[in-house]
Amino acid sequence: MIRRQIDLDEESDRILSGIAQNYHGDLGGALADLLQAHQSVEAFAEECEEAHRDSLLAQKERGERGFREGRFTSWDEVKRRNNL
């Protein structure tokens, strides 16, 4: 096991302490699980992006082309069309 000393801001310390309650106060266990969960979420996001790569690139290109050509929809128009 590796031992590290870290500095946290008060809000982060409060959040970590709250999560650690589920680990019987074990800050190290809580932080280790948070880091591993983060890694899993990142891997999942990358897999999803790769699976939908063509669609995402097409959406990006449409958005950029619309911006370049000055064809965009104002937020007020989006709200009107969607009854917001």
PDB file of N, CA and C in Angstrom:
ATOM      1  N   MET A   1       0.846  -1.162   0.000  1.00  0.00           N
ATOM      2  CA  MET A   1       0.000   0.000   0.000  1.00  0.00           C
ATOM      3  C   MET A   1       0.901   1.237   0.000  1.00  0.00           C
ATOM      4  N   ILE A   2       0.468   2.258  -0.681  1.00  0.00           N
ATOM      5  CA  ILE A   2       1.222   3.506  -0.778  1.00  0.00           C
ATOM      6  C   ILE A   2       0.562   4.550   0.117  1.00  0.00           C
ATOM      7  N   ARG A   3       1.376   5.312   0.792  1.00  0.00           N
ATOM      8  CA  ARG A   3       0.862   6.354   1.683  1.00  0.00           C
ATOM      9  C   ARG A   3       1.184   7.707   1.050  1.00  0.00           C
ATOM     10  N   ARG A   4       0.157   8.569   0.952  1.00  0.00           N
ATOM     11  CA  ARG A   4       0.326   9.913   0.392  1.00  0.00           C
ATOM     12  C   ARG A   4      -0.321  10.924   1.319  1.00  0.00           C
ATOM     13  N   GLN A   5       0.238  12.096   1.310  1.00  0.00           N
ATOM     14  CA  GLN A   5      -0.386  13.196   2.037  1.00  0.00           C
ATOM     15  C   GLN A   5      -0.931  14.151   0.983  1.00  0.00           C
ATOM     16  N   ILE A   6      -2.221  14.482   1.073  1.00  0.00           N
ATOM     17  CA  ILE A   6      -2.829  15.373   0.094  1.00  0.00           C
ATOM     18  C   ILE A   6      -3.515  16.526   0.810  1.00  0.00           C
ATOM     19  N   ASP A   7      -3.610  17.648   0.117  1.00  0.00           N
ATOM     20  CA  ASP A   7      -4.327  18.808   0.630  1.00  0.00           C
ATOM     21  C   ASP A   7      -5.643  18.913  -0.122  1.00  0.00           C
ATOM     22  N   LEU A   8      -6.730  19.065   0.618  1.00  0.00           N
ATOM     23  CA  LEU A   8      -8.054  19.216   0.029  1.00  0.00           C
ATOM     24  C   LEU A   8      -8.652  20.539   0.474  1.00  0.00           C
ATOM     25  N   ASP A   9      -9.455  21.123  -0.404  1.00  0.00           N
ATOM     26  CA  ASP A   9     -10.211  22.296   0.033  1.00  0.00           C
ATOM     27  C   ASP A   9     -11.334  21.811   0.955  1.00  0.00           C
ATOM     28  N   GLU A  10     -11.940  22.727   1.658  1.00  0.00           N
ATOM     29  CA  GLU A  10     -12.941  22.347   2.668  1.00  0.00           C
ATOM     30  C   GLU A  10     -14.121  21.593   2.062  1.00  0.00           C
ATOM     31  N   GLU A  11     -14.593  22.028   0.897  1.00  0.00           N
ATOM     32  CA  GLU A  11     -15.737  21.371   0.256  1.00  0.00           C
ATOM     33  C   GLU A  11     -15.398  19.940  -0.133  1.00  0.00           C
ATOM     34  N   SER A  12     -14.231  19.736  -0.730  1.00  0.00           N
ATOM     35  CA  SER A  12     -13.818  18.383  -1.119  1.00  0.00           C
ATOM     36  C   SER A  12     -13.647  17.496   0.107  1.00  0.00           C
ATOM     37  N   ASP A  13     -13.098  18.041   1.174  1.00  0.00           N
ATOM     38  CA  ASP A  13     -12.932  17.277   2.406  1.00  0.00           C
ATOM     39  C   ASP A  13     -14.285  16.878   2.984  1.00  0.00           C
ATOM     40  N   ARG A  14     -15.242  17.797   2.935  1.00  0.00           N
ATOM     41  CA  ARG A  14     -16.590  17.514   3.431  1.00  0.00           C
ATOM     42  C   ARG A  14     -17.231  16.384   2.619  1.00  0.00           C
ATOM     43  N   ILE A  15     -17.077  16.446   1.284  1.00  0.00           N
ATOM     44  CA  ILE A  15     -17.657  15.417   0.418  1.00  0.00           C
ATOM     45  C   ILE A  15     -16.999  14.066   0.678  1.00  0.00           C
ATOM     46  N   LEU A  16     -15.677  14.055   0.729  1.00  0.00           N
ATOM     47  CA  LEU A  16     -14.961  12.796   0.966  1.00  0.00           C
ATOM     48  C   LEU A  16     -15.321  12.216   2.326  1.00  0.00           C
ATOM     49  N   SER A  17     -15.431  13.053   3.331  1.00  0.00           N
ATOM     50  CA  SER A  17     -15.809  12.573   4.666  1.00  0.00           C
ATOM     51  C   SER A  17     -17.208  11.975   4.648  1.00  0.00           C
ATOM     52  N   GLY A  18     -18.108  12.589   3.899  1.00  0.00           N
ATOM     53  CA  GLY A  18     -19.459  12.056   3.779  1.00  0.00           C
ATOM     54  C   GLY A  18     -19.477  10.698   3.098  1.00  0.00           C
ATOM     55  N   ILE A  19     -18.701  10.567   2.034  1.00  0.00           N
ATOM     56  CA  ILE A  19     -18.615   9.281   1.327  1.00  0.00           C
ATOM     57  C   ILE A  19     -17.970   8.232   2.229  1.00  0.00           C
ATOM     58  N   ALA A  20     -16.969   8.642   2.982  1.00  0.00           N
ATOM     59  CA  ALA A  20     -16.248   7.704   3.851  1.00  0.00           C
ATOM     60  C   ALA A  20     -17.149   7.101   4.922  1.00  0.00           C
ATOM     61  N   GLN A  21     -18.244   7.759   5.239  1.00  0.00           N
ATOM     62  CA  GLN A  21     -19.182   7.192   6.212  1.00  0.00           C
ATOM     63  C   GLN A  21     -19.684   5.827   5.741  1.00  0.00           C
ATOM     64  N   ASN A  22     -19.801   5.653   4.415  1.00  0.00           N
ATOM     65  CA  ASN A  22     -20.223   4.362   3.857  1.00  0.00           C
ATOM     66  C   ASN A  22     -19.111   3.318   3.952  1.00  0.00           C
ATOM     67  N   TYR A  23     -17.914   3.753   4.306  1.00  0.00           N
ATOM     68  CA  TYR A  23     -16.745   2.871   4.431  1.00  0.00           C
ATOM     69  C   TYR A  23     -16.289   2.820   5.887  1.00  0.00           C
ATOM     70  N   HIS A  24     -17.223   3.047   6.787  1.00  0.00           N
ATOM     71  CA  HIS A  24     -16.927   3.046   8.231  1.00  0.00           C
ATOM     72  C   HIS A  24     -15.796   4.018   8.570  1.00  0.00           C
ATOM     73  N   GLY A  25     -15.806   5.179   7.893  1.00  0.00           N
ATOM     74  CA  GLY A  25     -14.829   6.222   8.163  1.00  0.00           C
ATOM     75  C   GLY A  25     -13.491   6.050   7.458  1.00  0.00           C
ATOM     76  N   ASP A  26     -13.350   5.033   6.636  1.00  0.00           N
ATOM     77  CA  ASP A  26     -12.086   4.757   5.939  1.00  0.00           C
ATOM     78  C   ASP A  26     -11.943   5.680   4.728  1.00  0.00           C
ATOM     79  N   LEU A  27     -11.264   6.822   4.930  1.00  0.00           N
ATOM     80  CA  LEU A  27     -11.066   7.785   3.848  1.00  0.00           C
ATOM     81  C   LEU A  27     -10.297   7.167   2.681  1.00  0.00           C
ATOM     82  N   GLY A  28      -9.300   6.367   2.975  1.00  0.00           N
ATOM     83  CA  GLY A  28      -8.499   5.739   1.934  1.00  0.00           C
ATOM     84  C   GLY A  28      -9.322   4.803   1.072  1.00  0.00           C
ATOM     85  N   GLY A  29     -10.166   4.004   1.699  1.00  0.00           N
ATOM     86  CA  GLY A  29     -11.026   3.093   0.950  1.00  0.00           C
ATOM     87  C   GLY A  29     -12.015   3.843   0.078  1.00  0.00           C
ATOM     88  N   ALA A  30     -12.580   4.906   0.626  1.00  0.00           N
ATOM     89  CA  ALA A  30     -13.534   5.715  -0.138  1.00  0.00           C
ATOM     90  C   ALA A  30     -12.843   6.350  -1.341  1.00  0.00           C
ATOM     91  N   LEU A  31     -11.679   6.924  -1.122  1.00  0.00           N
ATOM     92  CA  LEU A  31     -10.952   7.574  -2.207  1.00  0.00           C
ATOM     93  C   LEU A  31     -10.515   6.561  -3.266  1.00  0.00           C
ATOM     94  N   ALA A  32     -10.061   5.392  -2.843  1.00  0.00           N
ATOM     95  CA  ALA A  32      -9.648   4.350  -3.786  1.00  0.00           C
ATOM     96  C   ALA A  32     -10.821   3.935  -4.664  1.00  0.00           C
ATOM     97  N   ASP A  33     -12.000   3.725  -4.073  1.00  0.00           N
ATOM     98  CA  ASP A  33     -13.166   3.344  -4.863  1.00  0.00           C
ATOM     99  C   ASP A  33     -13.605   4.461  -5.796  1.00  0.00           C
ATOM    100  N   LEU A  34     -13.515   5.719  -5.342  1.00  0.00           N
ATOM    101  CA  LEU A  34     -13.860   6.844  -6.201  1.00  0.00           C
ATOM    102  C   LEU A  34     -12.943   6.905  -7.424  1.00  0.00           C
ATOM    103  N   LEU A  35     -11.653   6.718  -7.197  1.00  0.00           N
ATOM    104  CA  LEU A  35     -10.703   6.753  -8.309  1.00  0.00           C
ATOM    105  C   LEU A  35     -10.949   5.615  -9.289  1.00  0.00           C
ATOM    106  N   GLN A  36     -11.231   4.434  -8.769  1.00  0.00           N
ATOM    107  CA  GLN A  36     -11.497   3.294  -9.643  1.00  0.00           C
ATOM    108  C   GLN A  36     -12.806   3.485 -10.398  1.00  0.00           C
ATOM    109  N   ALA A  37     -13.812   4.061  -9.754  1.00  0.00           N
ATOM    110  CA  ALA A  37     -15.078   4.334 -10.434  1.00  0.00           C
ATOM    111  C   ALA A  37     -14.861   5.358 -11.544  1.00  0.00           C
ATOM    112  N   HIS A  38     -14.054   6.358 -11.260  1.00  0.00           N
ATOM    113  CA  HIS A  38     -13.746   7.373 -12.279  1.00  0.00           C
ATOM    114  C   HIS A  38     -13.105   6.711 -13.495  1.00  0.00           C
ATOM    115  N   GLN A  39     -12.172   5.816 -13.257  1.00  0.00           N
ATOM    116  CA  GLN A  39     -11.500   5.113 -14.350  1.00  0.00           C
ATOM    117  C   GLN A  39     -12.508   4.307 -15.162  1.00  0.00           C
ATOM    118  N   SER A  40     -13.449   3.645 -14.476  1.00  0.00           N
ATOM    119  CA  SER A  40     -14.469   2.856 -15.170  1.00  0.00           C
ATOM    120  C   SER A  40     -15.378   3.739 -16.012  1.00  0.00           C
ATOM    121  N   VAL A  41     -15.757   4.888 -15.483  1.00  0.00           N
ATOM    122  CA  VAL A  41     -16.622   5.815 -16.215  1.00  0.00           C
ATOM    123  C   VAL A  41     -15.889   6.340 -17.448  1.00  0.00           C
ATOM    124  N   GLU A  42     -14.620   6.693 -17.295  1.00  0.00           N
ATOM    125  CA  GLU A  42     -13.836   7.178 -18.429  1.00  0.00           C
ATOM    126  C   GLU A  42     -13.736   6.120 -19.517  1.00  0.00           C
ATOM    127  N   ALA A  43     -13.482   4.876 -19.131  1.00  0.00           N
ATOM    128  CA  ALA A  43     -13.377   3.786 -20.102  1.00  0.00           C
ATOM    129  C   ALA A  43     -14.719   3.581 -20.803  1.00  0.00           C
ATOM    130  N   PHE A  44     -15.815   3.640 -20.056  1.00  0.00           N
ATOM    131  CA  PHE A  44     -17.143   3.481 -20.640  1.00  0.00           C
ATOM    132  C   PHE A  44     -17.426   4.597 -21.643  1.00  0.00           C
ATOM    133  N   ALA A  45     -17.096   5.832 -21.279  1.00  0.00           N
ATOM    134  CA  ALA A  45     -17.322   6.967 -22.175  1.00  0.00           C
ATOM    135  C   ALA A  45     -16.514   6.807 -23.463  1.00  0.00           C
ATOM    136  N   GLU A  46     -15.275   6.380 -23.341  1.00  0.00           N
ATOM    137  CA  GLU A  46     -14.443   6.176 -24.524  1.00  0.00           C
ATOM    138  C   GLU A  46     -15.018   5.081 -25.421  1.00  0.00           C
ATOM    139  N   GLU A  47     -15.509   4.002 -24.820  1.00  0.00           N
ATOM    140  CA  GLU A  47     -16.120   2.918 -25.595  1.00  0.00           C
ATOM    141  C   GLU A  47     -17.365   3.416 -26.324  1.00  0.00           C
ATOM    142  N   CYS A  48     -18.190   4.205 -25.647  1.00  0.00           N
ATOM    143  CA  CYS A  48     -19.397   4.750 -26.274  1.00  0.00           C
ATOM    144  C   CYS A  48     -19.037   5.695 -27.419  1.00  0.00           C
ATOM    145  N   GLU A  49     -18.057   6.552 -27.183  1.00  0.00           N
ATOM    146  CA  GLU A  49     -17.633   7.480 -28.226  1.00  0.00           C
ATOM    147  C   GLU A  49     -17.115   6.722 -29.444  1.00  0.00           C
ATOM    148  N   GLU A  50     -16.351   5.678 -29.214  1.00  0.00           N
ATOM    149  CA  GLU A  50     -15.815   4.901 -30.329  1.00  0.00           C
ATOM    150  C   GLU A  50     -16.933   4.175 -31.070  1.00  0.00           C
ATOM    151  N   ALA A  51     -17.894   3.634 -30.344  1.00  0.00           N
ATOM    152  CA  ALA A  51     -19.000   2.912 -30.964  1.00  0.00           C
ATOM    153  C   ALA A  51     -19.869   3.833 -31.823  1.00  0.00           C
ATOM    154  N   HIS A  52     -19.940   5.105 -31.453  1.00  0.00           N
ATOM    155  CA  HIS A  52     -20.789   6.068 -32.160  1.00  0.00           C
ATOM    156  C   HIS A  52     -19.954   7.138 -32.868  1.00  0.00           C
ATOM    157  N   ARG A  53     -18.725   6.797 -33.166  1.00  0.00           N
ATOM    158  CA  ARG A  53     -17.764   7.756 -33.734  1.00  0.00           C
ATOM    159  C   ARG A  53     -18.311   8.455 -34.973  1.00  0.00           C
ATOM    160  N   ASP A  54     -18.826   7.684 -35.936  1.00  0.00           N
ATOM    161  CA  ASP A  54     -19.296   8.273 -37.196  1.00  0.00           C
ATOM    162  C   ASP A  54     -20.439   9.253 -36.965  1.00  0.00           C
ATOM    163  N   SER A  55     -21.379   8.862 -36.121  1.00  0.00           N
ATOM    164  CA  SER A  55     -22.521   9.721 -35.828  1.00  0.00           C
ATOM    165  C   SER A  55     -22.071  11.000 -35.117  1.00  0.00           C
ATOM    166  N   LEU A  56     -21.167  10.864 -34.160  1.00  0.00           N
ATOM    167  CA  LEU A  56     -20.676  12.035 -33.421  1.00  0.00           C
ATOM    168  C   LEU A  56     -19.910  12.986 -34.335  1.00  0.00           C
ATOM    169  N   LEU A  57     -19.089  12.430 -35.225  1.00  0.00           N
ATOM    170  CA  LEU A  57     -18.351  13.274 -36.162  1.00  0.00           C
ATOM    171  C   LEU A  57     -19.301  13.999 -37.117  1.00  0.00           C
ATOM    172  N   ALA A  58     -20.353  13.304 -37.580  1.00  0.00           N
ATOM    173  CA  ALA A  58     -21.334  13.938 -38.460  1.00  0.00           C
ATOM    174  C   ALA A  58     -22.046  15.076 -37.739  1.00  0.00           C
ATOM    175  N   GLN A  59     -22.418  14.862 -36.476  1.00  0.00           N
ATOM    176  CA  GLN A  59     -23.075  15.916 -35.700  1.00  0.00           C
ATOM    177  C   GLN A  59     -22.153  17.112 -35.520  1.00  0.00           C
ATOM    178  N   LYS A  60     -20.901  16.820 -35.232  1.00  0.00           N
ATOM    179  CA  LYS A  60     -19.920  17.896 -35.043  1.00  0.00           C
ATOM    180  C   LYS A  60     -19.755  18.689 -36.331  1.00  0.00           C
ATOM    181  N   GLU A  61     -19.640  17.992 -37.443  1.00  0.00           N
ATOM    182  CA  GLU A  61     -19.465  18.660 -38.732  1.00  0.00           C
ATOM    183  C   GLU A  61     -20.689  19.509 -39.073  1.00  0.00           C
ATOM    184  N   ARG A  62     -21.881  18.984 -38.833  1.00  0.00           N
ATOM    185  CA  ARG A  62     -23.094  19.766 -39.107  1.00  0.00           C
ATOM    186  C   ARG A  62     -23.116  21.039 -38.273  1.00  0.00           C
ATOM    187  N   GLY A  63     -22.766  20.914 -37.004  1.00  0.00           N
ATOM    188  CA  GLY A  63     -22.748  22.082 -36.135  1.00  0.00           C
ATOM    189  C   GLY A  63     -21.721  23.109 -36.575  1.00  0.00           C
ATOM    190  N   GLU A  64     -20.529  22.641 -36.916  1.00  0.00           N
ATOM    191  CA  GLU A  64     -19.480  23.564 -37.353  1.00  0.00           C
ATOM    192  C   GLU A  64     -19.837  24.211 -38.689  1.00  0.00           C
ATOM    193  N   ARG A  65     -20.409  23.417 -39.598  1.00  0.00           N
ATOM    194  CA  ARG A  65     -20.793  23.952 -40.904  1.00  0.00           C
ATOM    195  C   ARG A  65     -21.877  25.003 -40.734  1.00  0.00           C
ATOM    196  N   GLY A  66     -22.859  24.720 -39.884  1.00  0.00           N
ATOM    197  CA  GLY A  66     -23.912  25.695 -39.634  1.00  0.00           C
ATOM    198  C   GLY A  66     -23.366  26.972 -39.040  1.00  0.00           C
ATOM    199  N   PHE A  67     -22.403  26.840 -38.164  1.00  0.00           N
ATOM    200  CA  PHE A  67     -21.789  28.028 -37.558  1.00  0.00           C
ATOM    201  C   PHE A  67     -21.019  28.825 -38.602  1.00  0.00           C
ATOM    202  N   ARG A  68     -20.217  28.108 -39.429  1.00  0.00           N
ATOM    203  CA  ARG A  68     -19.425  28.786 -40.469  1.00  0.00           C
ATOM    204  C   ARG A  68     -20.320  29.502 -41.462  1.00  0.00           C
ATOM    205  N   GLU A  69     -21.424  28.877 -41.807  1.00  0.00           N
ATOM    206  CA  GLU A  69     -22.315  29.437 -42.822  1.00  0.00           C
ATOM    207  C   GLU A  69     -23.339  30.400 -42.228  1.00  0.00           C
ATOM    208  N   GLY A  70     -23.253  30.623 -40.954  1.00  0.00           N
ATOM    209  CA  GLY A  70     -24.163  31.555 -40.307  1.00  0.00           C
ATOM    210  C   GLY A  70     -25.567  30.992 -40.151  1.00  0.00           C
ATOM    211  N   ARG A  71     -25.712  29.677 -40.315  1.00  0.00           N
ATOM    212  CA  ARG A  71     -27.018  29.053 -40.150  1.00  0.00           C
ATOM    213  C   ARG A  71     -27.082  28.446 -38.756  1.00  0.00           C
ATOM    214  N   PHE A  72     -27.706  29.111 -37.877  1.00  0.00           N
ATOM    215  CA  PHE A  72     -27.887  28.581 -36.537  1.00  0.00           C
ATOM    216  C   PHE A  72     -29.253  29.009 -36.043  1.00  0.00           C
ATOM    217  N   THR A  73     -29.743  28.319 -35.078  1.00  0.00           N
ATOM    218  CA  THR A  73     -31.052  28.614 -34.517  1.00  0.00           C
ATOM    219  C   THR A  73     -30.861  29.287 -33.171  1.00  0.00           C
ATOM    220  N   SER A  74     -31.535  30.392 -33.005  1.00  0.00           N
ATOM    221  CA  SER A  74     -31.410  31.108 -31.738  1.00  0.00           C
ATOM    222  C   SER A  74     -32.070  30.303 -30.627  1.00  0.00           C
ATOM    223  N   TRP A  75     -31.640  30.569 -29.403  1.00  0.00           N
ATOM    224  CA  TRP A  75     -32.206  29.871 -28.256  1.00  0.00           C
ATOM    225  C   TRP A  75     -33.696  30.162 -28.137  1.00  0.00           C
ATOM    226  N   ASP A  76     -34.100  31.381 -28.444  1.00  0.00           N
ATOM    227  CA  ASP A  76     -35.518  31.727 -28.388  1.00  0.00           C
ATOM    228  C   ASP A  76     -36.316  30.894 -29.384  1.00  0.00           C
ATOM    229  N   GLU A  77     -35.762  30.654 -30.562  1.00  0.00           N
ATOM    230  CA  GLU A  77     -36.440  29.825 -31.559  1.00  0.00           C
ATOM    231  C   GLU A  77     -36.520  28.374 -31.109  1.00  0.00           C
ATOM    232  N   VAL A  78     -35.454  27.849 -30.520  1.00  0.00           N
ATOM    233  CA  VAL A  78     -35.468  26.486 -30.000  1.00  0.00           C
ATOM    234  C   VAL A  78     -36.563  26.344 -28.951  1.00  0.00           C
ATOM    235  N   LYS A  79     -36.642  27.308 -28.042  1.00  0.00           N
ATOM    236  CA  LYS A  79     -37.666  27.255 -27.003  1.00  0.00           C
ATOM    237  C   LYS A  79     -39.070  27.320 -27.613  1.00  0.00           C
ATOM    238  N   ARG A  80     -39.257  28.178 -28.618  1.00  0.00           N
ATOM    239  CA  ARG A  80     -40.562  28.309 -29.250  1.00  0.00           C
ATOM    240  C   ARG A  80     -40.974  27.007 -29.922  1.00  0.00           C
ATOM    241  N   ARG A  81     -40.036  26.399 -30.661  1.00  0.00           N
ATOM    242  CA  ARG A  81     -40.332  25.155 -31.377  1.00  0.00           C
ATOM    243  C   ARG A  81     -40.670  24.013 -30.439  1.00  0.00           C
ATOM    244  N   ASN A  82     -40.100  24.035 -29.259  1.00  0.00           N
ATOM    245  CA  ASN A  82     -40.293  22.937 -28.316  1.00  0.00           C
ATOM    246  C   ASN A  82     -41.244  23.285 -27.170  1.00  0.00           C
ATOM    247  N   ASN A  83     -41.971  24.375 -27.349  1.00  0.00           N
ATOM    248  CA  ASN A  83     -42.946  24.807 -26.346  1.00  0.00           C
ATOM    249  C   ASN A  83     -42.348  24.907 -24.945  1.00  0.00           C
ATOM    250  N   LEU A  84     -41.175  25.516 -24.870  1.00  0.00           N
ATOM    251  CA  LEU A  84     -40.513  25.663 -23.564  1.00  0.00           C
ATOM    252  C   LEU A  84     -40.778  27.036 -22.980  1.00  0.00           C
TER     253      LEU A  84
END
